[in-house]
Amino acid sequence: MRGEAAGWQVIGEARDRLGESALWHPYEHALYWVDFYGPTIHRFCPANGEFSRWTPGIGGVIGSLAFTADGSLLIALADGLYLFDTATERLERFADPNGGRPGIGYNDAKVDRDGHYWVGTFDLKEREPRGILYRVGPSQAVMIADSGFVVCNGPAFSPDGATMYFSDTIGRRLIAYHLDRESGAVSEPRLFAEFGMEDGLPDGLCVDSAGAVYCAHYGGGRVTKFGSDGEQLESLPLPVRNVTSCCLGGPMLDTLFVTTAEDGGAHPLDGAIFARKVHMPGLPEPLFRMA
């Protein structure tokens, strides 16, 4: 890590158009993230300072990535979900919950505590509530968890796996759902947090081992930490406006990593990756287990 900005460390020299989907690999001990418009997959290993990057021959965009138990990445592309082998750079189509609906893109994704994959979609024009949050099981069975959103973002899960947090980005709110771990069904949605115009838009989320929720503010220039009851505990400002996703990683899982995006050249650190130590560690990222 090198460089400092408002208490944050800046990682590397790369600047993304739209950094997204920060995740810490529990076995590789490395940080992964994507540049949505690259479309590029990034990897950073703090132990040796090594950076790697892949640009699958796809054109288009990469909405997000997730880790699988067989060592591949599950990436959300414009036309569906694909398995990507970083060693061979082989790309294999996995599923398309969206069913080819026009004008819809894939966005944020996470794996829950029981190894199921959750991915949200968004209206490409960001106008109509056509986005759907899907749950995908090991055998590619698809369940619609909820729908009617313009942009789905940031699913994250409580330490006990019984609560799912979700960013309704254009609706400027976070929703908490009860998650039935056996059936995968979500219910009892409740308003977890609301965002005013000055706050920007809620984007990516992560949860620490005590159940606190971190939320990236796109256009709001900060990450906010909420208690599991929705009380705001801490505000962590950054020197850039467009803060997009966050995760907890590092050897002790006590480093908060944050991705950011361009803002018309407003700041030289737009699109940089930031990191800082926190007091409460996170949890190992679950892996998607395929049949």
C-alpha atoms as a PDB file:
ATOM      1  CA  MET A   1       0.000   0.000   0.000  1.00  0.00           C
ATOM      2  CA  ARG A   2       1.217   3.489  -0.658  1.00  0.00           C
ATOM      3  CA  GLY A   3      -0.029   7.050  -0.485  1.00  0.00           C
ATOM      4  CA  GLU A   4      -2.305   8.589   2.105  1.00  0.00           C
ATOM      5  CA  ALA A   5      -5.579  10.496   1.819  1.00  0.00           C
ATOM      6  CA  ALA A   6      -7.695  11.635   4.772  1.00  0.00           C
ATOM      7  CA  GLY A   7      -6.598   8.704   6.936  1.00  0.00           C
ATOM      8  CA  TRP A   8      -6.888   6.204   4.090  1.00  0.00           C
ATOM      9  CA  GLN A   9      -4.138   4.308   2.340  1.00  0.00           C
ATOM     10  CA  VAL A  10      -4.265   4.338  -1.471  1.00  0.00           C
ATOM     11  CA  ILE A  11      -3.505   0.995  -3.091  1.00  0.00           C
ATOM     12  CA  GLY A  12      -1.488   1.024  -6.277  1.00  0.00           C
ATOM     13  CA  GLU A  13      -1.593   3.406  -9.216  1.00  0.00           C
ATOM     14  CA  ALA A  14      -4.601   2.047 -11.105  1.00  0.00           C
ATOM     15  CA  ARG A  15      -7.664   4.270 -11.522  1.00  0.00           C
ATOM     16  CA  ASP A  16     -10.935   2.629 -12.563  1.00  0.00           C
ATOM     17  CA  ARG A  17     -13.754   4.224 -14.503  1.00  0.00           C
ATOM     18  CA  LEU A  18     -16.152   2.443 -12.160  1.00  0.00           C
ATOM     19  CA  GLY A  19     -14.558   0.244  -9.526  1.00  0.00           C
ATOM     20  CA  GLU A  20     -16.991  -2.267  -8.036  1.00  0.00           C
ATOM     21  CA  SER A  21     -17.459  -5.598  -6.249  1.00  0.00           C
ATOM     22  CA  ALA A  22     -14.577  -5.527  -3.760  1.00  0.00           C
ATOM     23  CA  LEU A  23     -14.117  -8.962  -2.127  1.00  0.00           C
ATOM     24  CA  TRP A  24     -11.348 -10.519  -0.034  1.00  0.00           C
ATOM     25  CA  HIS A  25     -10.549 -14.111  -1.021  1.00  0.00           C
ATOM     26  CA  PRO A  26     -10.444 -16.235   2.152  1.00  0.00           C
ATOM     27  CA  TYR A  27      -7.878 -18.742   0.831  1.00  0.00           C
ATOM     28  CA  GLU A  28      -5.790 -16.713  -1.587  1.00  0.00           C
ATOM     29  CA  HIS A  29      -5.532 -13.855   0.945  1.00  0.00           C
ATOM     30  CA  ALA A  30      -5.967 -11.385  -1.883  1.00  0.00           C
ATOM     31  CA  LEU A  31      -8.290  -8.533  -2.770  1.00  0.00           C
ATOM     32  CA  TYR A  32     -10.410  -8.824  -5.914  1.00  0.00           C
ATOM     33  CA  TRP A  33     -12.504  -6.137  -7.557  1.00  0.00           C
ATOM     34  CA  VAL A  34     -13.745  -5.169 -11.029  1.00  0.00           C
ATOM     35  CA  ASP A  35     -13.731  -2.118 -13.239  1.00  0.00           C
ATOM     36  CA  PHE A  36     -17.299  -2.191 -14.548  1.00  0.00           C
ATOM     37  CA  TYR A  37     -16.389  -0.467 -17.804  1.00  0.00           C
ATOM     38  CA  GLY A  38     -12.889  -1.968 -18.210  1.00  0.00           C
ATOM     39  CA  PRO A  39     -14.207  -4.527 -18.373  1.00  0.00           C
ATOM     40  CA  THR A  40     -11.437  -5.709 -16.046  1.00  0.00           C
ATOM     41  CA  ILE A  41     -10.988  -8.057 -13.101  1.00  0.00           C
ATOM     42  CA  HIS A  42      -8.300  -6.924 -10.636  1.00  0.00           C
ATOM     43  CA  ARG A  43      -6.421  -8.855  -7.955  1.00  0.00           C
ATOM     44  CA  PHE A  44      -4.038  -7.477  -5.320  1.00  0.00           C
ATOM     45  CA  CYS A  45      -1.992  -9.633  -2.941  1.00  0.00           C
ATOM     46  CA  PRO A  46      -0.727  -7.516  -0.005  1.00  0.00           C
ATOM     47  CA  ALA A  47       1.763 -10.195   1.102  1.00  0.00           C
ATOM     48  CA  ASN A  48       3.970  -9.684  -1.955  1.00  0.00           C
ATOM     49  CA  GLY A  49       2.534  -6.467  -3.390  1.00  0.00           C
ATOM     50  CA  GLU A  50       1.611  -8.234  -6.623  1.00  0.00           C
ATOM     51  CA  PHE A  51      -1.155  -6.901  -8.882  1.00  0.00           C
ATOM     52  CA  SER A  52      -2.889  -9.026 -11.530  1.00  0.00           C
ATOM     53  CA  ARG A  53      -5.593  -8.170 -14.021  1.00  0.00           C
ATOM     54  CA  TRP A  54      -7.726  -9.967 -16.552  1.00  0.00           C
ATOM     55  CA  THR A  55      -9.910  -8.624 -19.329  1.00  0.00           C
ATOM     56  CA  PRO A  56     -12.131 -11.475 -20.499  1.00  0.00           C
ATOM     57  CA  GLY A  57     -12.702 -11.249 -24.248  1.00  0.00           C
ATOM     58  CA  ILE A  58     -16.292 -10.188 -23.889  1.00  0.00           C
ATOM     59  CA  GLY A  59     -16.643  -6.503 -24.611  1.00  0.00           C
ATOM     60  CA  GLY A  60     -19.429  -4.849 -22.656  1.00  0.00           C
ATOM     61  CA  VAL A  61     -19.208  -4.591 -18.884  1.00  0.00           C
ATOM     62  CA  ILE A  62     -18.637  -6.661 -15.720  1.00  0.00           C
ATOM     63  CA  GLY A  63     -21.267  -6.043 -13.067  1.00  0.00           C
ATOM     64  CA  SER A  64     -19.690  -8.038 -10.238  1.00  0.00           C
ATOM     65  CA  LEU A  65     -17.757 -11.120  -9.223  1.00  0.00           C
ATOM     66  CA  ALA A  66     -18.076 -13.847  -6.594  1.00  0.00           C
ATOM     67  CA  PHE A  67     -15.872 -16.732  -5.492  1.00  0.00           C
ATOM     68  CA  THR A  68     -16.687 -20.389  -6.092  1.00  0.00           C
ATOM     69  CA  ALA A  69     -15.578 -23.452  -4.175  1.00  0.00           C
ATOM     70  CA  ASP A  70     -13.765 -24.878  -7.223  1.00  0.00           C
ATOM     71  CA  GLY A  71     -11.470 -21.850  -7.472  1.00  0.00           C
ATOM     72  CA  SER A  72     -13.107 -20.064 -10.396  1.00  0.00           C
ATOM     73  CA  LEU A  73     -14.855 -16.706 -10.366  1.00  0.00           C
ATOM     74  CA  LEU A  74     -18.560 -16.306 -11.023  1.00  0.00           C
ATOM     75  CA  ILE A  75     -18.857 -13.040 -12.939  1.00  0.00           C
ATOM     76  CA  ALA A  76     -21.964 -11.132 -13.994  1.00  0.00           C
ATOM     77  CA  LEU A  77     -21.722  -9.940 -17.588  1.00  0.00           C
ATOM     78  CA  ALA A  78     -24.193  -8.095 -19.774  1.00  0.00           C
ATOM     79  CA  ASP A  79     -25.882 -11.237 -21.107  1.00  0.00           C
ATOM     80  CA  GLY A  80     -25.620 -13.603 -18.162  1.00  0.00           C
ATOM     81  CA  LEU A  81     -23.515 -15.229 -15.493  1.00  0.00           C
ATOM     82  CA  TYR A  82     -20.218 -16.876 -16.408  1.00  0.00           C
ATOM     83  CA  LEU A  83     -17.529 -18.945 -14.712  1.00  0.00           C
ATOM     84  CA  PHE A  84     -14.051 -17.532 -15.294  1.00  0.00           C
ATOM     85  CA  ASP A  85     -10.838 -19.494 -14.669  1.00  0.00           C
ATOM     86  CA  THR A  86      -8.063 -17.001 -13.945  1.00  0.00           C
ATOM     87  CA  ALA A  87      -5.352 -19.615 -14.672  1.00  0.00           C
ATOM     88  CA  THR A  88      -6.559 -20.514 -18.170  1.00  0.00           C
ATOM     89  CA  GLU A  89      -8.760 -17.436 -18.810  1.00  0.00           C
ATOM     90  CA  ARG A  90     -11.482 -19.826 -19.900  1.00  0.00           C
ATOM     91  CA  LEU A  91     -14.980 -18.344 -19.838  1.00  0.00           C
ATOM     92  CA  GLU A  92     -17.954 -20.697 -19.451  1.00  0.00           C
ATOM     93  CA  ARG A  93     -21.589 -19.661 -19.507  1.00  0.00           C
ATOM     94  CA  PHE A  94     -23.378 -20.605 -16.302  1.00  0.00           C
ATOM     95  CA  ALA A  95     -26.883 -19.109 -16.214  1.00  0.00           C
ATOM     96  CA  ASP A  96     -29.070 -16.185 -17.231  1.00  0.00           C
ATOM     97  CA  PRO A  97     -31.756 -15.533 -14.598  1.00  0.00           C
ATOM     98  CA  ASN A  98     -32.779 -12.408 -16.527  1.00  0.00           C
ATOM     99  CA  GLY A  99     -33.848 -14.600 -19.445  1.00  0.00           C
ATOM    100  CA  GLY A 100     -32.581 -12.160 -22.068  1.00  0.00           C
ATOM    101  CA  ARG A 101     -34.964  -9.330 -21.155  1.00  0.00           C
ATOM    102  CA  PRO A 102     -33.821  -6.297 -23.166  1.00  0.00           C
ATOM    103  CA  GLY A 103     -32.630  -3.123 -21.467  1.00  0.00           C
ATOM    104  CA  ILE A 104     -31.574  -4.910 -18.287  1.00  0.00           C
ATOM    105  CA  GLY A 105     -28.044  -5.352 -16.880  1.00  0.00           C
ATOM    106  CA  TYR A 106     -26.532  -7.393 -14.079  1.00  0.00           C
ATOM    107  CA  ASN A 107     -25.106  -5.573 -11.094  1.00  0.00           C
ATOM    108  CA  ASP A 108     -23.934  -6.359  -7.548  1.00  0.00           C
ATOM    109  CA  ALA A 109     -23.721  -9.932  -6.276  1.00  0.00           C
ATOM    110  CA  LYS A 110     -22.779 -11.806  -3.096  1.00  0.00           C
ATOM    111  CA  VAL A 111     -22.787 -15.345  -1.715  1.00  0.00           C
ATOM    112  CA  ASP A 112     -24.773 -15.951   1.463  1.00  0.00           C
ATOM    113  CA  ARG A 113     -23.626 -17.880   4.547  1.00  0.00           C
ATOM    114  CA  ASP A 114     -25.012 -21.123   3.085  1.00  0.00           C
ATOM    115  CA  GLY A 115     -23.253 -20.877  -0.264  1.00  0.00           C
ATOM    116  CA  HIS A 116     -26.095 -19.543  -2.427  1.00  0.00           C
ATOM    117  CA  TYR A 117     -25.459 -16.791  -4.957  1.00  0.00           C
ATOM    118  CA  TRP A 118     -27.510 -13.584  -5.004  1.00  0.00           C
ATOM    119  CA  VAL A 119     -27.393 -11.117  -7.898  1.00  0.00           C
ATOM    120  CA  GLY A 120     -29.410  -8.018  -8.736  1.00  0.00           C
ATOM    121  CA  THR A 121     -30.248  -6.431 -12.066  1.00  0.00           C
ATOM    122  CA  PHE A 122     -30.923  -2.843 -13.116  1.00  0.00           C
ATOM    123  CA  ASP A 123     -32.701  -0.842 -15.779  1.00  0.00           C
ATOM    124  CA  LEU A 124     -29.995   0.313 -18.195  1.00  0.00           C
ATOM    125  CA  LYS A 125     -31.607   3.757 -18.473  1.00  0.00           C
ATOM    126  CA  GLU A 126     -31.991   3.899 -14.663  1.00  0.00           C
ATOM    127  CA  ARG A 127     -35.585   5.063 -14.993  1.00  0.00           C
ATOM    128  CA  GLU A 128     -38.007   2.138 -14.705  1.00  0.00           C
ATOM    129  CA  PRO A 129     -38.406  -0.256 -11.724  1.00  0.00           C
ATOM    130  CA  ARG A 130     -37.486  -3.324 -13.760  1.00  0.00           C
ATOM    131  CA  GLY A 131     -34.652  -4.596 -11.554  1.00  0.00           C
ATOM    132  CA  ILE A 132     -34.951  -7.981  -9.854  1.00  0.00           C
ATOM    133  CA  LEU A 133     -32.956  -9.560  -7.035  1.00  0.00           C
ATOM    134  CA  TYR A 134     -32.336 -13.253  -7.751  1.00  0.00           C
ATOM    135  CA  ARG A 135     -31.088 -16.155  -5.671  1.00  0.00           C
ATOM    136  CA  VAL A 136     -29.266 -18.861  -7.627  1.00  0.00           C
ATOM    137  CA  GLY A 137     -28.729 -22.298  -6.110  1.00  0.00           C
ATOM    138  CA  PRO A 138     -25.952 -24.825  -6.753  1.00  0.00           C
ATOM    139  CA  SER A 139     -27.958 -26.598  -9.473  1.00  0.00           C
ATOM    140  CA  GLN A 140     -28.688 -23.256 -11.208  1.00  0.00           C
ATOM    141  CA  ALA A 141     -32.221 -23.176  -9.799  1.00  0.00           C
ATOM    142  CA  VAL A 142     -33.351 -19.536  -9.769  1.00  0.00           C
ATOM    143  CA  MET A 143     -35.616 -17.874  -7.216  1.00  0.00           C
ATOM    144  CA  ILE A 144     -36.898 -14.300  -7.386  1.00  0.00           C
ATOM    145  CA  ALA A 145     -36.294 -12.769  -3.973  1.00  0.00           C
ATOM    146  CA  ASP A 146     -37.789  -9.335  -4.652  1.00  0.00           C
ATOM    147  CA  SER A 147     -38.448  -7.018  -7.595  1.00  0.00           C
ATOM    148  CA  GLY A 148     -39.565  -3.546  -8.602  1.00  0.00           C
ATOM    149  CA  PHE A 149     -36.251  -1.695  -8.237  1.00  0.00           C
ATOM    150  CA  VAL A 150     -34.560   0.627 -10.696  1.00  0.00           C
ATOM    151  CA  VAL A 151     -31.073  -0.427  -9.543  1.00  0.00           C
ATOM    152  CA  CYS A 152     -30.329  -3.393  -7.272  1.00  0.00           C
ATOM    153  CA  ASN A 153     -27.135  -3.100  -5.231  1.00  0.00           C
ATOM    154  CA  GLY A 154     -25.061  -4.404  -2.374  1.00  0.00           C
ATOM    155  CA  PRO A 155     -26.611  -7.572  -0.975  1.00  0.00           C
ATOM    156  CA  ALA A 156     -24.896  -8.470   2.293  1.00  0.00           C
ATOM    157  CA  PHE A 157     -25.681 -10.934   5.071  1.00  0.00           C
ATOM    158  CA  SER A 158     -25.663 -10.840   8.856  1.00  0.00           C
ATOM    159  CA  PRO A 159     -23.193 -13.085  10.706  1.00  0.00           C
ATOM    160  CA  ASP A 160     -25.940 -15.594  11.563  1.00  0.00           C
ATOM    161  CA  GLY A 161     -27.186 -15.577   7.948  1.00  0.00           C
ATOM    162  CA  ALA A 162     -30.745 -14.741   8.979  1.00  0.00           C
ATOM    163  CA  THR A 163     -30.809 -11.146   7.710  1.00  0.00           C
ATOM    164  CA  MET A 164     -30.105  -9.879   4.211  1.00  0.00           C
ATOM    165  CA  TYR A 165     -29.307  -6.208   3.658  1.00  0.00           C
ATOM    166  CA  PHE A 166     -30.045  -4.652   0.284  1.00  0.00           C
ATOM    167  CA  SER A 167     -29.418  -1.269  -1.370  1.00  0.00           C
ATOM    168  CA  ASP A 168     -32.360   0.190  -3.267  1.00  0.00           C
ATOM    169  CA  THR A 169     -30.035   2.707  -4.865  1.00  0.00           C
ATOM    170  CA  ILE A 170     -32.423   5.002  -6.724  1.00  0.00           C
ATOM    171  CA  GLY A 171     -34.936   4.701  -3.874  1.00  0.00           C
ATOM    172  CA  ARG A 172     -32.206   6.050  -1.537  1.00  0.00           C
ATOM    173  CA  ARG A 173     -32.778   3.432   1.113  1.00  0.00           C
ATOM    174  CA  LEU A 174     -31.400   0.260   2.646  1.00  0.00           C
ATOM    175  CA  ILE A 175     -33.799  -2.608   3.253  1.00  0.00           C
ATOM    176  CA  ALA A 176     -33.323  -5.450   5.738  1.00  0.00           C
ATOM    177  CA  TYR A 177     -35.083  -8.765   5.060  1.00  0.00           C
ATOM    178  CA  HIS A 178     -35.542 -11.839   7.181  1.00  0.00           C
ATOM    179  CA  LEU A 179     -33.851 -14.701   5.314  1.00  0.00           C
ATOM    180  CA  ASP A 180     -35.062 -18.263   5.804  1.00  0.00           C
ATOM    181  CA  ARG A 181     -31.805 -20.181   5.498  1.00  0.00           C
ATOM    182  CA  GLU A 182     -33.542 -23.448   4.697  1.00  0.00           C
ATOM    183  CA  SER A 183     -35.850 -22.282   1.912  1.00  0.00           C
ATOM    184  CA  GLY A 184     -33.914 -19.201   0.787  1.00  0.00           C
ATOM    185  CA  ALA A 185     -37.064 -17.086   0.927  1.00  0.00           C
ATOM    186  CA  VAL A 186     -36.902 -13.497   2.145  1.00  0.00           C
ATOM    187  CA  SER A 187     -39.727 -11.866   4.080  1.00  0.00           C
ATOM    188  CA  GLU A 188     -40.555  -9.084   6.538  1.00  0.00           C
ATOM    189  CA  PRO A 189     -38.792  -6.264   4.665  1.00  0.00           C
ATOM    190  CA  ARG A 190     -38.097  -3.273   6.863  1.00  0.00           C
ATOM    191  CA  LEU A 191     -36.568   0.106   6.248  1.00  0.00           C
ATOM    192  CA  PHE A 192     -33.021  -0.027   7.590  1.00  0.00           C
ATOM    193  CA  ALA A 193     -31.730   3.413   6.571  1.00  0.00           C
ATOM    194  CA  GLU A 194     -32.766   6.354   4.376  1.00  0.00           C
ATOM    195  CA  PHE A 195     -30.515   8.720   2.413  1.00  0.00           C
ATOM    196  CA  GLY A 196     -31.077  12.408   1.699  1.00  0.00           C
ATOM    197  CA  MET A 197     -29.905  14.262  -1.389  1.00  0.00           C
ATOM    198  CA  GLU A 198     -26.745  15.373   0.410  1.00  0.00           C
ATOM    199  CA  ASP A 199     -25.904  11.739   1.240  1.00  0.00           C
ATOM    200  CA  GLY A 200     -25.599  10.546  -2.337  1.00  0.00           C
ATOM    201  CA  LEU A 201     -26.895   7.084  -3.271  1.00  0.00           C
ATOM    202  CA  PRO A 202     -26.471   3.863  -1.270  1.00  0.00           C
ATOM    203  CA  ASP A 203     -24.253   1.432  -3.161  1.00  0.00           C
ATOM    204  CA  GLY A 204     -22.176  -1.562  -2.026  1.00  0.00           C
ATOM    205  CA  LEU A 205     -22.455  -3.110   1.447  1.00  0.00           C
ATOM    206  CA  CYS A 206     -20.478  -5.360   3.765  1.00  0.00           C
ATOM    207  CA  VAL A 207     -21.018  -6.672   7.298  1.00  0.00           C
ATOM    208  CA  ASP A 208     -18.519  -7.150  10.130  1.00  0.00           C
ATOM    209  CA  SER A 209     -18.352  -9.998  12.652  1.00  0.00           C
ATOM    210  CA  ALA A 210     -20.415  -8.009  15.193  1.00  0.00           C
ATOM    211  CA  GLY A 211     -23.213  -7.456  12.674  1.00  0.00           C
ATOM    212  CA  ALA A 212     -22.500  -3.807  11.819  1.00  0.00           C
ATOM    213  CA  VAL A 213     -23.214  -2.791   8.218  1.00  0.00           C
ATOM    214  CA  TYR A 214     -20.887  -0.634   6.094  1.00  0.00           C
ATOM    215  CA  CYS A 215     -22.441   1.238   3.168  1.00  0.00           C
ATOM    216  CA  ALA A 216     -20.658   3.036   0.319  1.00  0.00           C
ATOM    217  CA  HIS A 217     -22.182   6.393  -0.706  1.00  0.00           C
ATOM    218  CA  TYR A 218     -22.072   7.006  -4.460  1.00  0.00           C
ATOM    219  CA  GLY A 219     -21.969  10.775  -4.846  1.00  0.00           C
ATOM    220  CA  GLY A 220     -21.735  11.152  -1.081  1.00  0.00           C
ATOM    221  CA  GLY A 221     -17.982  10.781  -0.655  1.00  0.00           C
ATOM    222  CA  ARG A 222     -17.980   8.456   2.323  1.00  0.00           C
ATOM    223  CA  VAL A 223     -18.668   5.079   3.892  1.00  0.00           C
ATOM    224  CA  THR A 224     -21.154   4.903   6.764  1.00  0.00           C
ATOM    225  CA  LYS A 225     -21.144   2.253   9.465  1.00  0.00           C
ATOM    226  CA  PHE A 226     -24.553   1.306  10.865  1.00  0.00           C
ATOM    227  CA  GLY A 227     -25.388  -0.872  13.835  1.00  0.00           C
ATOM    228  CA  SER A 228     -27.561  -3.925  13.207  1.00  0.00           C
ATOM    229  CA  ASP A 229     -30.508  -1.822  14.420  1.00  0.00           C
ATOM    230  CA  GLY A 230     -29.892   0.828  11.742  1.00  0.00           C
ATOM    231  CA  GLU A 231     -28.314   3.385  14.075  1.00  0.00           C
ATOM    232  CA  GLN A 232     -25.494   5.330  12.429  1.00  0.00           C
ATOM    233  CA  LEU A 233     -22.285   4.558  14.303  1.00  0.00           C
ATOM    234  CA  GLU A 234     -19.559   6.176  12.224  1.00  0.00           C
ATOM    235  CA  SER A 235     -19.012   8.214   9.078  1.00  0.00           C
ATOM    236  CA  LEU A 236     -15.752   7.686   7.181  1.00  0.00           C
ATOM    237  CA  PRO A 237     -15.236  10.445   4.587  1.00  0.00           C
ATOM    238  CA  LEU A 238     -13.044   9.929   1.535  1.00  0.00           C
ATOM    239  CA  PRO A 239     -11.398  12.544  -0.696  1.00  0.00           C
ATOM    240  CA  VAL A 240     -13.518  11.462  -3.702  1.00  0.00           C
ATOM    241  CA  ARG A 241     -17.285  11.674  -4.295  1.00  0.00           C
ATOM    242  CA  ASN A 242     -18.186   8.405  -5.980  1.00  0.00           C
ATOM    243  CA  VAL A 243     -17.685   5.607  -3.448  1.00  0.00           C
ATOM    244  CA  THR A 244     -18.988   2.339  -4.840  1.00  0.00           C
ATOM    245  CA  SER A 245     -18.281  -0.805  -2.816  1.00  0.00           C
ATOM    246  CA  CYS A 246     -16.521  -2.050   0.301  1.00  0.00           C
ATOM    247  CA  CYS A 247     -15.301  -5.227   1.963  1.00  0.00           C
ATOM    248  CA  LEU A 248     -13.358  -6.312   5.026  1.00  0.00           C
ATOM    249  CA  GLY A 249     -10.136  -8.176   4.389  1.00  0.00           C
ATOM    250  CA  GLY A 250      -6.451  -8.402   5.141  1.00  0.00           C
ATOM    251  CA  PRO A 251      -4.710 -11.080   7.263  1.00  0.00           C
ATOM    252  CA  MET A 252      -6.907 -10.333  10.292  1.00  0.00           C
ATOM    253  CA  LEU A 253      -9.960  -9.251   8.260  1.00  0.00           C
ATOM    254  CA  ASP A 254      -9.694  -5.838   9.911  1.00  0.00           C
ATOM    255  CA  THR A 255      -8.928  -3.730   6.831  1.00  0.00           C
ATOM    256  CA  LEU A 256     -11.782  -1.916   5.117  1.00  0.00           C
ATOM    257  CA  PHE A 257     -11.178  -1.840   1.347  1.00  0.00           C
ATOM    258  CA  VAL A 258     -13.190   0.602  -0.761  1.00  0.00           C
ATOM    259  CA  THR A 259     -13.603   1.014  -4.522  1.00  0.00           C
ATOM    260  CA  THR A 260     -14.412   4.323  -6.193  1.00  0.00           C
ATOM    261  CA  ALA A 261     -15.345   5.717  -9.612  1.00  0.00           C
ATOM    262  CA  GLU A 262     -14.610   8.596 -11.956  1.00  0.00           C
ATOM    263  CA  ASP A 263     -16.161  11.977 -11.330  1.00  0.00           C
ATOM    264  CA  GLY A 264     -15.237  13.987 -14.415  1.00  0.00           C
ATOM    265  CA  GLY A 265     -11.646  14.470 -13.307  1.00  0.00           C
ATOM    266  CA  ALA A 266     -12.681  16.287 -10.139  1.00  0.00           C
ATOM    267  CA  HIS A 267      -9.951  14.631  -8.050  1.00  0.00           C
ATOM    268  CA  PRO A 268      -6.728  12.796  -9.000  1.00  0.00           C
ATOM    269  CA  LEU A 269      -7.743   9.868  -6.774  1.00  0.00           C
ATOM    270  CA  ASP A 270     -11.094   9.279  -8.499  1.00  0.00           C
ATOM    271  CA  GLY A 271     -11.274   5.567  -9.287  1.00  0.00           C
ATOM    272  CA  ALA A 272      -8.581   4.610  -6.763  1.00  0.00           C
ATOM    273  CA  ILE A 273      -8.767   1.755  -4.247  1.00  0.00           C
ATOM    274  CA  PHE A 274      -8.623   2.881  -0.609  1.00  0.00           C
ATOM    275  CA  ALA A 275      -7.953   0.980   2.616  1.00  0.00           C
ATOM    276  CA  ARG A 276      -7.942   1.658   6.339  1.00  0.00           C
ATOM    277  CA  LYS A 277      -7.854  -0.362   9.556  1.00  0.00           C
ATOM    278  CA  VAL A 278     -11.062  -0.820  11.564  1.00  0.00           C
ATOM    279  CA  HIS A 279     -11.630  -2.055  15.118  1.00  0.00           C
ATOM    280  CA  MET A 280     -13.977  -4.965  14.433  1.00  0.00           C
ATOM    281  CA  PRO A 281     -12.939  -7.625  11.894  1.00  0.00           C
ATOM    282  CA  GLY A 282     -15.130  -9.039   9.200  1.00  0.00           C
ATOM    283  CA  LEU A 283     -15.993 -12.649   8.384  1.00  0.00           C
ATOM    284  CA  PRO A 284     -14.502 -14.946   5.736  1.00  0.00           C
ATOM    285  CA  GLU A 285     -16.240 -14.497   2.396  1.00  0.00           C
ATOM    286  CA  PRO A 286     -18.482 -17.513   1.648  1.00  0.00           C
ATOM    287  CA  LEU A 287     -17.925 -19.524  -1.531  1.00  0.00           C
ATOM    288  CA  PHE A 288     -20.573 -20.469  -4.067  1.00  0.00           C
ATOM    289  CA  ARG A 289     -20.907 -24.244  -4.079  1.00  0.00           C
ATOM    290  CA  MET A 290     -22.063 -25.702  -7.363  1.00  0.00           C
ATOM    291  CA  ALA A 291     -23.730 -29.079  -7.719  1.00  0.00           C
END
